[in-house]
Amino acid sequence: GGGAINVAGSTNLLQLGFAGDTTVRADGSLTLSGTVAGNSRNLTLIADSGNITQTGGSFNSVVALTATAAGNIDLQSEYNGFTSFTGTSTGNGSIKLRGHSFDFAADTGGAVDIRAATNVTGSRMLRAGSLSIVSDGGSIDLNPSTYAVGRFGDLRAGGGDVNVYATGDILLTGAVSGGCQLGADQLVDSRGAVMDEA
């Protein structure tokens, strides 16, 4: 079934399977070193005073994956399978995420690095000090409902277009590859020069 798992201190999850929506909460840090079998359910991970780190295994068949940590969130297995991801670092840590194809939201003052095998979308909150996205074989489509990104690093789409629509300025400091459509109040290059006025 599902439910809540609460752990005092820090913990390492060697393997996890659940048949209902599940929350795993650790007072300290949370490490995932084995397979997480989601069975088409939602999973929430919380590290109240530490980091969330994936050192092995992968997420399989998770619908909505939510991760909240005081520190960094590092979930970088190339085999991760989830439909959507929401990451929050309450201490403005970094968020590093890898998966197949997914929609993501991020809320941190730190760096956010996303890598996907195919398509990446961002239709919800995007708040980050910096944001870099690589899609190995798909497209990047960002049209967030809430937007506060300090700067963009690389935006590379290996099998489609890069589309970014923002309700503020876009500061580009990295490489953009793939067909590109950027919509913003103004586009600014890495030297601070205005490239285009929307």
Protein backbone atom coordinates (compact mmCIF):
# COMPACT_ATOMS: atom_id res chain seq x y z
CA GLY A 1 0.00 0.00 0.00
CA GLY A 2 0.89 3.65 0.38
CA GLY A 3 1.12 5.99 3.30
CA ALA A 4 3.91 7.71 5.20
CA ILE A 5 7.35 6.52 6.25
CA ASN A 6 9.06 8.74 8.84
CA VAL A 7 12.70 8.23 9.80
CA ALA A 8 14.60 9.88 12.65
CA GLY A 9 17.98 11.14 11.46
CA SER A 10 19.35 10.19 8.03
CA THR A 11 18.60 7.01 6.11
CA ASN A 12 19.58 4.99 3.05
CA LEU A 13 16.74 3.36 1.10
CA LEU A 14 18.09 0.15 -0.42
CA GLN A 15 14.83 -0.60 -2.22
CA LEU A 16 11.28 0.70 -2.14
CA GLY A 17 8.05 -0.52 -3.68
CA PHE A 18 4.56 0.85 -3.06
CA ALA A 19 1.04 0.38 -4.40
CA GLY A 20 -0.42 3.68 -3.18
CA ASP A 21 0.75 7.28 -2.99
CA THR A 22 3.66 7.37 -0.53
CA THR A 23 5.68 9.94 1.44
CA VAL A 24 9.16 9.19 2.80
CA ARG A 25 10.43 11.77 5.30
CA ALA A 26 13.82 11.87 7.02
CA ASP A 27 14.82 14.32 9.74
CA GLY A 28 18.31 14.47 8.20
CA SER A 29 19.39 13.35 4.72
CA LEU A 30 17.78 10.78 2.44
CA THR A 31 19.87 8.50 0.20
CA LEU A 32 18.41 6.19 -2.46
CA SER A 33 20.74 3.38 -3.51
CA GLY A 34 18.29 0.90 -5.04
CA THR A 35 15.25 0.62 -7.27
CA VAL A 36 12.08 2.54 -6.41
CA ALA A 37 9.06 0.77 -7.94
CA GLY A 38 6.25 3.30 -8.19
CA ASN A 39 3.53 1.13 -9.75
CA SER A 40 2.01 4.22 -11.39
CA ARG A 41 1.64 6.08 -8.09
CA ASN A 42 2.96 9.35 -6.64
CA LEU A 43 6.03 9.60 -4.40
CA THR A 44 7.08 12.43 -2.09
CA LEU A 45 10.60 12.56 -0.63
CA ILE A 46 11.48 14.97 2.20
CA ALA A 47 14.84 15.61 3.87
CA ASP A 48 14.11 18.12 6.63
CA SER A 49 17.68 19.17 7.38
CA GLY A 50 19.84 17.50 4.73
CA ASN A 51 20.17 16.38 1.12
CA ILE A 52 18.31 13.94 -1.11
CA THR A 53 20.82 11.87 -3.10
CA GLN A 54 20.48 8.98 -5.54
CA THR A 55 23.60 6.79 -5.50
CA GLY A 56 22.19 3.79 -7.39
CA GLY A 57 19.06 2.20 -8.81
CA SER A 58 16.33 4.22 -10.46
CA PHE A 59 12.72 5.36 -10.20
CA ASN A 60 10.43 3.04 -12.15
CA SER A 61 6.84 3.95 -13.09
CA VAL A 62 6.46 6.88 -10.70
CA VAL A 63 3.79 9.34 -11.83
CA ALA A 64 4.50 12.51 -9.80
CA LEU A 65 7.83 12.67 -7.97
CA THR A 66 8.15 15.46 -5.39
CA ALA A 67 11.44 16.12 -3.59
CA THR A 68 11.92 18.71 -0.83
CA ALA A 69 15.25 19.15 0.95
CA ALA A 70 17.00 21.71 3.09
CA GLY A 71 20.13 21.12 1.01
CA ASN A 72 20.83 19.66 -2.42
CA ILE A 73 18.70 17.30 -4.52
CA ASP A 74 20.72 14.96 -6.73
CA LEU A 75 18.71 12.35 -8.69
CA GLN A 76 20.79 11.49 -11.73
CA SER A 77 20.18 7.89 -12.81
CA GLU A 78 19.79 7.81 -16.59
CA TYR A 79 17.08 5.17 -16.15
CA ASN A 80 14.77 7.27 -13.97
CA GLY A 81 11.14 6.99 -15.04
CA PHE A 82 8.59 9.54 -13.80
CA THR A 83 5.98 11.71 -15.51
CA SER A 84 6.49 14.89 -13.51
CA PHE A 85 9.01 16.22 -11.00
CA THR A 86 8.74 19.01 -8.43
CA GLY A 87 11.94 19.93 -6.61
CA THR A 88 12.27 22.41 -3.74
CA SER A 89 15.42 23.29 -1.82
CA THR A 90 14.45 25.39 1.18
CA GLY A 91 18.12 26.27 1.71
CA ASN A 92 18.67 27.32 -1.93
CA GLY A 93 20.76 24.26 -2.75
CA SER A 94 21.34 22.74 -6.17
CA ILE A 95 18.90 20.46 -7.99
CA LYS A 96 20.32 17.89 -10.43
CA LEU A 97 17.85 15.66 -12.23
CA ARG A 98 18.03 13.03 -14.93
CA GLY A 99 15.23 11.01 -16.46
CA HIS A 100 13.50 9.90 -19.64
CA SER A 101 10.75 12.38 -20.56
CA PHE A 102 9.03 14.60 -17.99
CA ASP A 103 7.55 17.92 -16.90
CA PHE A 104 9.46 19.61 -14.10
CA ALA A 105 9.11 22.44 -11.61
CA ALA A 106 11.90 23.86 -9.45
CA ASP A 107 12.00 26.23 -6.48
CA THR A 108 15.50 27.16 -5.32
CA GLY A 109 17.95 30.03 -5.39
CA GLY A 110 20.69 27.60 -6.47
CA ALA A 111 21.65 25.93 -9.73
CA VAL A 112 19.24 23.58 -11.52
CA ASP A 113 20.65 21.07 -14.04
CA ILE A 114 18.25 18.90 -16.01
CA ARG A 115 19.03 16.10 -18.44
CA ALA A 116 16.46 14.02 -20.31
CA ALA A 117 16.59 11.24 -22.87
CA THR A 118 13.76 12.85 -24.84
CA ASN A 119 11.35 15.72 -24.15
CA VAL A 120 11.45 18.17 -21.23
CA THR A 121 8.64 20.58 -20.37
CA GLY A 122 8.34 23.21 -17.65
CA SER A 123 4.78 24.48 -17.30
CA ARG A 124 4.67 25.25 -13.58
CA MET A 125 7.07 27.08 -11.23
CA LEU A 126 10.61 27.75 -12.43
CA ARG A 127 12.68 29.57 -9.81
CA ALA A 128 16.44 29.07 -9.94
CA GLY A 129 19.67 30.99 -9.67
CA SER A 130 20.70 29.28 -12.92
CA LEU A 131 19.05 26.72 -15.17
CA SER A 132 20.68 24.36 -17.69
CA ILE A 133 18.79 21.73 -19.69
CA VAL A 134 20.04 19.03 -22.05
CA SER A 135 17.61 16.87 -24.02
CA ASP A 136 19.60 14.10 -25.69
CA GLY A 137 16.97 13.16 -28.25
CA GLY A 138 13.98 15.45 -27.83
CA SER A 139 12.82 19.03 -27.34
CA ILE A 140 12.79 21.60 -24.54
CA ASP A 141 9.52 23.46 -23.96
CA LEU A 142 9.33 25.97 -21.09
CA ASN A 143 6.22 28.08 -20.50
CA PRO A 144 6.11 28.39 -16.71
CA SER A 145 3.22 29.83 -14.73
CA THR A 146 5.77 31.35 -12.29
CA TYR A 147 9.16 32.46 -13.60
CA ALA A 148 12.26 33.67 -11.76
CA VAL A 149 15.45 32.35 -13.37
CA GLY A 150 18.62 34.36 -12.79
CA ARG A 151 20.36 33.05 -15.88
CA PHE A 152 20.30 30.20 -18.37
CA GLY A 153 23.31 28.00 -19.00
CA ASP A 154 23.19 25.46 -21.84
CA LEU A 155 19.85 24.78 -23.53
CA ARG A 156 20.55 21.87 -25.88
CA ALA A 157 17.86 19.88 -27.69
CA GLY A 158 19.25 16.89 -29.58
CA GLY A 159 16.02 15.94 -31.33
CA GLY A 160 13.78 19.00 -31.46
CA ASP A 161 13.40 22.67 -30.67
CA VAL A 162 14.20 24.88 -27.70
CA ASN A 163 11.13 26.96 -26.77
CA VAL A 164 11.28 29.30 -23.77
CA TYR A 165 8.50 31.77 -22.93
CA ALA A 166 9.08 33.89 -19.82
CA THR A 167 7.26 36.68 -18.02
CA GLY A 168 10.56 38.43 -17.34
CA ASP A 169 14.04 38.78 -18.79
CA ILE A 170 16.06 35.88 -20.19
CA LEU A 171 19.80 36.09 -19.54
CA LEU A 172 21.70 33.61 -21.73
CA THR A 173 25.17 32.55 -20.58
CA GLY A 174 25.48 29.14 -22.26
CA ALA A 175 25.01 27.50 -25.64
CA VAL A 176 21.60 27.11 -27.29
CA SER A 177 21.24 24.35 -29.87
CA GLY A 178 18.29 23.03 -31.82
CA GLY A 179 15.63 25.23 -33.41
CA CYS A 180 15.08 28.09 -31.01
CA GLN A 181 12.15 30.29 -30.00
CA LEU A 182 12.61 32.61 -27.03
CA GLY A 183 9.90 34.94 -25.78
CA ALA A 184 10.54 37.36 -22.92
CA ASP A 185 10.36 40.99 -21.84
CA GLN A 186 13.90 41.22 -23.17
CA LEU A 187 16.68 38.82 -24.15
CA VAL A 188 20.11 39.57 -22.75
CA ASP A 189 23.42 37.94 -23.66
CA SER A 190 26.15 36.96 -21.22
CA ARG A 191 27.68 40.47 -21.28
CA GLY A 192 24.37 42.06 -20.29
CA ALA A 193 23.64 43.45 -23.76
CA VAL A 194 20.01 43.53 -24.81
CA MET A 195 19.56 41.20 -27.80
CA ASP A 196 15.89 41.68 -28.49
CA GLU A 197 12.83 43.41 -27.10
CA ALA A 198 9.61 41.41 -27.03
